[in-house]
Amino acid sequence: MKSYSFYQFMKTKVGEKSESGVFATHVVNDLDFPKFSTDYNNISDYLEKTPYDGASLHTFDTLFEEYENWLKY
């Protein structure tokens, strides 16, 4: 199993022409994002307090599930 933060996973999505890519770009450009966190609740709380234009929490939920699966392989 891999040991990477959600932020590190987001860096793999930057540049995609999709909602995931837009979300990832916001995350990578956000200097205050919890870069070392692997915890869903911690990141979700941060995103609820700091929403991104054009990026929904539904996208985050989908990406976090993808992140958990990515860690397994």
PDB file of N, CA and C in Angstrom:
ATOM      1  N   MET A   1       0.837  -1.187   0.000  1.00  0.00           N
ATOM      2  CA  MET A   1       0.000   0.000   0.000  1.00  0.00           C
ATOM      3  C   MET A   1       0.882   1.250   0.000  1.00  0.00           C
ATOM      4  N   LYS A   2       0.514   2.219  -0.827  1.00  0.00           N
ATOM      5  CA  LYS A   2       1.261   3.468  -0.922  1.00  0.00           C
ATOM      6  C   LYS A   2       1.037   4.329   0.311  1.00  0.00           C
ATOM      7  N   SER A   3       1.950   5.240   0.549  1.00  0.00           N
ATOM      8  CA  SER A   3       1.830   6.161   1.674  1.00  0.00           C
ATOM      9  C   SER A   3       1.998   7.595   1.157  1.00  0.00           C
ATOM     10  N   TYR A   4       0.934   8.123   0.572  1.00  0.00           N
ATOM     11  CA  TYR A   4       0.949   9.474   0.017  1.00  0.00           C
ATOM     12  C   TYR A   4      -0.237  10.262   0.560  1.00  0.00           C
ATOM     13  N   SER A   5      -0.073  11.563   0.642  1.00  0.00           N
ATOM     14  CA  SER A   5      -1.177  12.415   1.091  1.00  0.00           C
ATOM     15  C   SER A   5      -2.151  12.635  -0.064  1.00  0.00           C
ATOM     16  N   PHE A   6      -3.331  13.129   0.289  1.00  0.00           N
ATOM     17  CA  PHE A   6      -4.330  13.459  -0.725  1.00  0.00           C
ATOM     18  C   PHE A   6      -3.779  14.534  -1.662  1.00  0.00           C
ATOM     19  N   TYR A   7      -3.055  15.482  -1.120  1.00  0.00           N
ATOM     20  CA  TYR A   7      -2.438  16.543  -1.922  1.00  0.00           C
ATOM     21  C   TYR A   7      -1.515  15.946  -2.999  1.00  0.00           C
ATOM     22  N   GLN A   8      -0.717  14.977  -2.632  1.00  0.00           N
ATOM     23  CA  GLN A   8       0.182  14.339  -3.595  1.00  0.00           C
ATOM     24  C   GLN A   8      -0.606  13.645  -4.701  1.00  0.00           C
ATOM     25  N   PHE A   9      -1.723  13.042  -4.335  1.00  0.00           N
ATOM     26  CA  PHE A   9      -2.594  12.425  -5.331  1.00  0.00           C
ATOM     27  C   PHE A   9      -3.167  13.492  -6.260  1.00  0.00           C
ATOM     28  N   MET A  10      -3.551  14.628  -5.706  1.00  0.00           N
ATOM     29  CA  MET A  10      -4.116  15.707  -6.510  1.00  0.00           C
ATOM     30  C   MET A  10      -3.126  16.199  -7.555  1.00  0.00           C
ATOM     31  N   LYS A  11      -1.847  16.177  -7.244  1.00  0.00           N
ATOM     32  CA  LYS A  11      -0.828  16.609  -8.198  1.00  0.00           C
ATOM     33  C   LYS A  11      -0.836  15.731  -9.448  1.00  0.00           C
ATOM     34  N   THR A  12      -1.302  14.498  -9.349  1.00  0.00           N
ATOM     35  CA  THR A  12      -1.380  13.606 -10.514  1.00  0.00           C
ATOM     36  C   THR A  12      -2.562  13.962 -11.412  1.00  0.00           C
ATOM     37  N   LYS A  13      -3.491  14.760 -10.905  1.00  0.00           N
ATOM     38  CA  LYS A  13      -4.708  15.118 -11.651  1.00  0.00           C
ATOM     39  C   LYS A  13      -4.629  16.480 -12.331  1.00  0.00           C
ATOM     40  N   VAL A  14      -3.651  17.281 -11.952  1.00  0.00           N
ATOM     41  CA  VAL A  14      -3.519  18.624 -12.530  1.00  0.00           C
ATOM     42  C   VAL A  14      -3.345  18.512 -14.042  1.00  0.00           C
ATOM     43  N   GLY A  15      -4.078  19.335 -14.761  1.00  0.00           N
ATOM     44  CA  GLY A  15      -3.982  19.341 -16.216  1.00  0.00           C
ATOM     45  C   GLY A  15      -5.046  18.524 -16.917  1.00  0.00           C
ATOM     46  N   GLU A  16      -5.760  17.683 -16.162  1.00  0.00           N
ATOM     47  CA  GLU A  16      -6.853  16.926 -16.773  1.00  0.00           C
ATOM     48  C   GLU A  16      -7.959  17.890 -17.190  1.00  0.00           C
ATOM     49  N   LYS A  17      -8.570  17.639 -18.319  1.00  0.00           N
ATOM     50  CA  LYS A  17      -9.676  18.458 -18.820  1.00  0.00           C
ATOM     51  C   LYS A  17     -10.987  17.904 -18.264  1.00  0.00           C
ATOM     52  N   SER A  18     -11.167  18.083 -16.946  1.00  0.00           N
ATOM     53  CA  SER A  18     -12.342  17.548 -16.266  1.00  0.00           C
ATOM     54  C   SER A  18     -12.554  18.315 -14.967  1.00  0.00           C
ATOM     55  N   GLU A  19     -13.667  18.023 -14.294  1.00  0.00           N
ATOM     56  CA  GLU A  19     -13.906  18.623 -12.979  1.00  0.00           C
ATOM     57  C   GLU A  19     -12.792  18.240 -12.008  1.00  0.00           C
ATOM     58  N   SER A  20     -12.306  17.027 -12.133  1.00  0.00           N
ATOM     59  CA  SER A  20     -11.217  16.569 -11.265  1.00  0.00           C
ATOM     60  C   SER A  20      -9.962  17.401 -11.487  1.00  0.00           C
ATOM     61  N   GLY A  21      -9.666  17.699 -12.727  1.00  0.00           N
ATOM     62  CA  GLY A  21      -8.500  18.508 -13.044  1.00  0.00           C
ATOM     63  C   GLY A  21      -8.620  19.927 -12.518  1.00  0.00           C
ATOM     64  N   VAL A  22      -9.815  20.511 -12.632  1.00  0.00           N
ATOM     65  CA  VAL A  22     -10.052  21.857 -12.109  1.00  0.00           C
ATOM     66  C   VAL A  22      -9.898  21.853 -10.595  1.00  0.00           C
ATOM     67  N   PHE A  23     -10.487  20.862  -9.948  1.00  0.00           N
ATOM     68  CA  PHE A  23     -10.393  20.749  -8.495  1.00  0.00           C
ATOM     69  C   PHE A  23      -8.930  20.598  -8.074  1.00  0.00           C
ATOM     70  N   ALA A  24      -8.207  19.730  -8.764  1.00  0.00           N
ATOM     71  CA  ALA A  24      -6.794  19.491  -8.439  1.00  0.00           C
ATOM     72  C   ALA A  24      -5.967  20.767  -8.588  1.00  0.00           C
ATOM     73  N   THR A  25      -6.254  21.548  -9.600  1.00  0.00           N
ATOM     74  CA  THR A  25      -5.535  22.797  -9.797  1.00  0.00           C
ATOM     75  C   THR A  25      -5.774  23.754  -8.641  1.00  0.00           C
ATOM     76  N   HIS A  26      -7.027  23.824  -8.175  1.00  0.00           N
ATOM     77  CA  HIS A  26      -7.333  24.655  -7.003  1.00  0.00           C
ATOM     78  C   HIS A  26      -6.536  24.186  -5.787  1.00  0.00           C
ATOM     79  N   VAL A  27      -6.530  22.884  -5.554  1.00  0.00           N
ATOM     80  CA  VAL A  27      -5.825  22.322  -4.393  1.00  0.00           C
ATOM     81  C   VAL A  27      -4.332  22.648  -4.457  1.00  0.00           C
ATOM     82  N   VAL A  28      -3.727  22.400  -5.587  1.00  0.00           N
ATOM     83  CA  VAL A  28      -2.280  22.595  -5.724  1.00  0.00           C
ATOM     84  C   VAL A  28      -1.897  24.077  -5.594  1.00  0.00           C
ATOM     85  N   ASN A  29      -2.773  24.961  -6.029  1.00  0.00           N
ATOM     86  CA  ASN A  29      -2.499  26.394  -5.946  1.00  0.00           C
ATOM     87  C   ASN A  29      -2.860  27.020  -4.597  1.00  0.00           C
ATOM     88  N   ASP A  30      -3.519  26.258  -3.731  1.00  0.00           N
ATOM     89  CA  ASP A  30      -3.953  26.744  -2.417  1.00  0.00           C
ATOM     90  C   ASP A  30      -2.821  26.553  -1.406  1.00  0.00           C
ATOM     91  N   LEU A  31      -2.177  27.642  -1.038  1.00  0.00           N
ATOM     92  CA  LEU A  31      -1.034  27.560  -0.127  1.00  0.00           C
ATOM     93  C   LEU A  31      -1.404  27.076   1.274  1.00  0.00           C
ATOM     94  N   ASP A  32      -2.663  27.218   1.664  1.00  0.00           N
ATOM     95  CA  ASP A  32      -3.107  26.813   2.998  1.00  0.00           C
ATOM     96  C   ASP A  32      -3.695  25.401   3.050  1.00  0.00           C
ATOM     97  N   PHE A  33      -3.808  24.738   1.907  1.00  0.00           N
ATOM     98  CA  PHE A  33      -4.381  23.391   1.884  1.00  0.00           C
ATOM     99  C   PHE A  33      -3.554  22.470   2.783  1.00  0.00           C
ATOM    100  N   PRO A  34      -4.227  21.583   3.546  1.00  0.00           N
ATOM    101  CA  PRO A  34      -3.488  20.647   4.425  1.00  0.00           C
ATOM    102  C   PRO A  34      -2.738  19.592   3.604  1.00  0.00           C
ATOM    103  N   LYS A  35      -1.558  19.938   3.169  1.00  0.00           N
ATOM    104  CA  LYS A  35      -0.789  19.153   2.202  1.00  0.00           C
ATOM    105  C   LYS A  35      -0.370  17.758   2.686  1.00  0.00           C
ATOM    106  N   PHE A  36      -0.287  17.553   3.971  1.00  0.00           N
ATOM    107  CA  PHE A  36       0.189  16.263   4.474  1.00  0.00           C
ATOM    108  C   PHE A  36      -0.929  15.373   4.998  1.00  0.00           C
ATOM    109  N   SER A  37      -2.156  15.837   4.876  1.00  0.00           N
ATOM    110  CA  SER A  37      -3.287  15.095   5.430  1.00  0.00           C
ATOM    111  C   SER A  37      -3.700  13.927   4.536  1.00  0.00           C
ATOM    112  N   THR A  38      -4.085  12.854   5.200  1.00  0.00           N
ATOM    113  CA  THR A  38      -4.660  11.690   4.536  1.00  0.00           C
ATOM    114  C   THR A  38      -6.069  11.435   5.060  1.00  0.00           C
ATOM    115  N   ASP A  39      -6.545  12.337   5.918  1.00  0.00           N
ATOM    116  CA  ASP A  39      -7.808  12.154   6.636  1.00  0.00           C
ATOM    117  C   ASP A  39      -8.968  12.858   5.928  1.00  0.00           C
ATOM    118  N   TYR A  40      -9.979  12.094   5.570  1.00  0.00           N
ATOM    119  CA  TYR A  40     -11.153  12.634   4.872  1.00  0.00           C
ATOM    120  C   TYR A  40     -11.791  13.783   5.646  1.00  0.00           C
ATOM    121  N   ASN A  41     -12.045  13.581   6.930  1.00  0.00           N
ATOM    122  CA  ASN A  41     -12.742  14.602   7.723  1.00  0.00           C
ATOM    123  C   ASN A  41     -11.933  15.890   7.827  1.00  0.00           C
ATOM    124  N   ASN A  42     -10.645  15.771   8.017  1.00  0.00           N
ATOM    125  CA  ASN A  42      -9.784  16.945   8.109  1.00  0.00           C
ATOM    126  C   ASN A  42      -9.841  17.763   6.817  1.00  0.00           C
ATOM    127  N   ILE A  43      -9.719  17.100   5.690  1.00  0.00           N
ATOM    128  CA  ILE A  43      -9.732  17.783   4.391  1.00  0.00           C
ATOM    129  C   ILE A  43     -11.124  18.323   4.081  1.00  0.00           C
ATOM    130  N   SER A  44     -12.146  17.545   4.365  1.00  0.00           N
ATOM    131  CA  SER A  44     -13.517  17.976   4.119  1.00  0.00           C
ATOM    132  C   SER A  44     -13.860  19.224   4.939  1.00  0.00           C
ATOM    133  N   ASP A  45     -13.465  19.237   6.198  1.00  0.00           N
ATOM    134  CA  ASP A  45     -13.698  20.420   7.043  1.00  0.00           C
ATOM    135  C   ASP A  45     -13.008  21.643   6.452  1.00  0.00           C
ATOM    136  N   TYR A  46     -11.783  21.473   5.991  1.00  0.00           N
ATOM    137  CA  TYR A  46     -11.046  22.576   5.383  1.00  0.00           C
ATOM    138  C   TYR A  46     -11.791  23.093   4.146  1.00  0.00           C
ATOM    139  N   LEU A  47     -12.243  22.181   3.289  1.00  0.00           N
ATOM    140  CA  LEU A  47     -12.908  22.577   2.050  1.00  0.00           C
ATOM    141  C   LEU A  47     -14.262  23.232   2.306  1.00  0.00           C
ATOM    142  N   GLU A  48     -14.945  22.824   3.360  1.00  0.00           N
ATOM    143  CA  GLU A  48     -16.216  23.462   3.703  1.00  0.00           C
ATOM    144  C   GLU A  48     -15.991  24.907   4.144  1.00  0.00           C
ATOM    145  N   LYS A  49     -14.883  25.169   4.783  1.00  0.00           N
ATOM    146  CA  LYS A  49     -14.560  26.524   5.250  1.00  0.00           C
ATOM    147  C   LYS A  49     -13.904  27.360   4.147  1.00  0.00           C
ATOM    148  N   THR A  50     -13.321  26.695   3.166  1.00  0.00           N
ATOM    149  CA  THR A  50     -12.590  27.375   2.091  1.00  0.00           C
ATOM    150  C   THR A  50     -13.044  26.817   0.744  1.00  0.00           C
ATOM    151  N   PRO A  51     -14.264  27.145   0.311  1.00  0.00           N
ATOM    152  CA  PRO A  51     -14.751  26.583  -0.960  1.00  0.00           C
ATOM    153  C   PRO A  51     -14.003  27.157  -2.167  1.00  0.00           C
ATOM    154  N   TYR A  52     -13.904  26.363  -3.207  1.00  0.00           N
ATOM    155  CA  TYR A  52     -13.263  26.778  -4.452  1.00  0.00           C
ATOM    156  C   TYR A  52     -14.337  27.105  -5.479  1.00  0.00           C
ATOM    157  N   ASP A  53     -14.141  28.168  -6.228  1.00  0.00           N
ATOM    158  CA  ASP A  53     -15.064  28.515  -7.308  1.00  0.00           C
ATOM    159  C   ASP A  53     -15.059  27.417  -8.364  1.00  0.00           C
ATOM    160  N   GLY A  54     -16.235  26.974  -8.737  1.00  0.00           N
ATOM    161  CA  GLY A  54     -16.346  25.974  -9.794  1.00  0.00           C
ATOM    162  C   GLY A  54     -15.961  24.566  -9.400  1.00  0.00           C
ATOM    163  N   ALA A  55     -15.810  24.313  -8.104  1.00  0.00           N
ATOM    164  CA  ALA A  55     -15.449  22.963  -7.640  1.00  0.00           C
ATOM    165  C   ALA A  55     -16.378  22.579  -6.492  1.00  0.00           C
ATOM    166  N   SER A  56     -17.027  21.446  -6.625  1.00  0.00           N
ATOM    167  CA  SER A  56     -18.007  21.037  -5.614  1.00  0.00           C
ATOM    168  C   SER A  56     -17.436  20.013  -4.630  1.00  0.00           C
ATOM    169  N   LEU A  57     -18.101  19.911  -3.490  1.00  0.00           N
ATOM    170  CA  LEU A  57     -17.701  18.893  -2.514  1.00  0.00           C
ATOM    171  C   LEU A  57     -18.000  17.495  -3.039  1.00  0.00           C
ATOM    172  N   HIS A  58     -18.954  17.394  -3.939  1.00  0.00           N
ATOM    173  CA  HIS A  58     -19.234  16.092  -4.566  1.00  0.00           C
ATOM    174  C   HIS A  58     -17.993  15.620  -5.342  1.00  0.00           C
ATOM    175  N   THR A  59     -17.341  16.554  -6.029  1.00  0.00           N
ATOM    176  CA  THR A  59     -16.104  16.220  -6.747  1.00  0.00           C
ATOM    177  C   THR A  59     -15.046  15.744  -5.761  1.00  0.00           C
ATOM    178  N   PHE A  60     -14.948  16.426  -4.616  1.00  0.00           N
ATOM    179  CA  PHE A  60     -14.002  15.991  -3.587  1.00  0.00           C
ATOM    180  C   PHE A  60     -14.316  14.570  -3.132  1.00  0.00           C
ATOM    181  N   ASP A  61     -15.583  14.287  -2.859  1.00  0.00           N
ATOM    182  CA  ASP A  61     -15.966  12.940  -2.409  1.00  0.00           C
ATOM    183  C   ASP A  61     -15.534  11.879  -3.421  1.00  0.00           C
ATOM    184  N   THR A  62     -15.790  12.149  -4.685  1.00  0.00           N
ATOM    185  CA  THR A  62     -15.413  11.212  -5.745  1.00  0.00           C
ATOM    186  C   THR A  62     -13.896  11.041  -5.804  1.00  0.00           C
ATOM    187  N   LEU A  63     -13.185  12.157  -5.718  1.00  0.00           N
ATOM    188  CA  LEU A  63     -11.721  12.098  -5.771  1.00  0.00           C
ATOM    189  C   LEU A  63     -11.130  11.411  -4.547  1.00  0.00           C
ATOM    190  N   PHE A  64     -11.736  11.602  -3.396  1.00  0.00           N
ATOM    191  CA  PHE A  64     -11.192  10.945  -2.205  1.00  0.00           C
ATOM    192  C   PHE A  64     -11.364   9.431  -2.299  1.00  0.00           C
ATOM    193  N   GLU A  65     -12.481   8.994  -2.842  1.00  0.00           N
ATOM    194  CA  GLU A  65     -12.686   7.560  -3.047  1.00  0.00           C
ATOM    195  C   GLU A  65     -11.654   7.019  -4.050  1.00  0.00           C
ATOM    196  N   GLU A  66     -11.420   7.783  -5.105  1.00  0.00           N
ATOM    197  CA  GLU A  66     -10.405   7.408  -6.095  1.00  0.00           C
ATOM    198  C   GLU A  66      -9.015   7.367  -5.440  1.00  0.00           C
ATOM    199  N   TYR A  67      -8.738   8.332  -4.585  1.00  0.00           N
ATOM    200  CA  TYR A  67      -7.473   8.395  -3.843  1.00  0.00           C
ATOM    201  C   TYR A  67      -7.285   7.142  -2.992  1.00  0.00           C
ATOM    202  N   GLU A  68      -8.316   6.734  -2.263  1.00  0.00           N
ATOM    203  CA  GLU A  68      -8.212   5.532  -1.426  1.00  0.00           C
ATOM    204  C   GLU A  68      -7.920   4.291  -2.265  1.00  0.00           C
ATOM    205  N   ASN A  69      -8.553   4.192  -3.428  1.00  0.00           N
ATOM    206  CA  ASN A  69      -8.287   3.061  -4.314  1.00  0.00           C
ATOM    207  C   ASN A  69      -6.880   3.137  -4.899  1.00  0.00           C
ATOM    208  N   TRP A  70      -6.436   4.332  -5.228  1.00  0.00           N
ATOM    209  CA  TRP A  70      -5.081   4.560  -5.763  1.00  0.00           C
ATOM    210  C   TRP A  70      -4.016   4.118  -4.761  1.00  0.00           C
ATOM    211  N   LEU A  71      -4.270   4.349  -3.486  1.00  0.00           N
ATOM    212  CA  LEU A  71      -3.306   3.963  -2.447  1.00  0.00           C
ATOM    213  C   LEU A  71      -3.096   2.450  -2.381  1.00  0.00           C
ATOM    214  N   LYS A  72      -4.115   1.700  -2.748  1.00  0.00           N
ATOM    215  CA  LYS A  72      -4.064   0.233  -2.644  1.00  0.00           C
ATOM    216  C   LYS A  72      -3.170  -0.403  -3.707  1.00  0.00           C
ATOM    217  N   TYR A  73      -2.919   0.323  -4.797  1.00  0.00           N
ATOM    218  CA  TYR A  73      -2.192  -0.314  -5.919  1.00  0.00           C
ATOM    219  C   TYR A  73      -0.906   0.356  -6.240  1.00  0.00           C
TER     220      TYR A  73
END
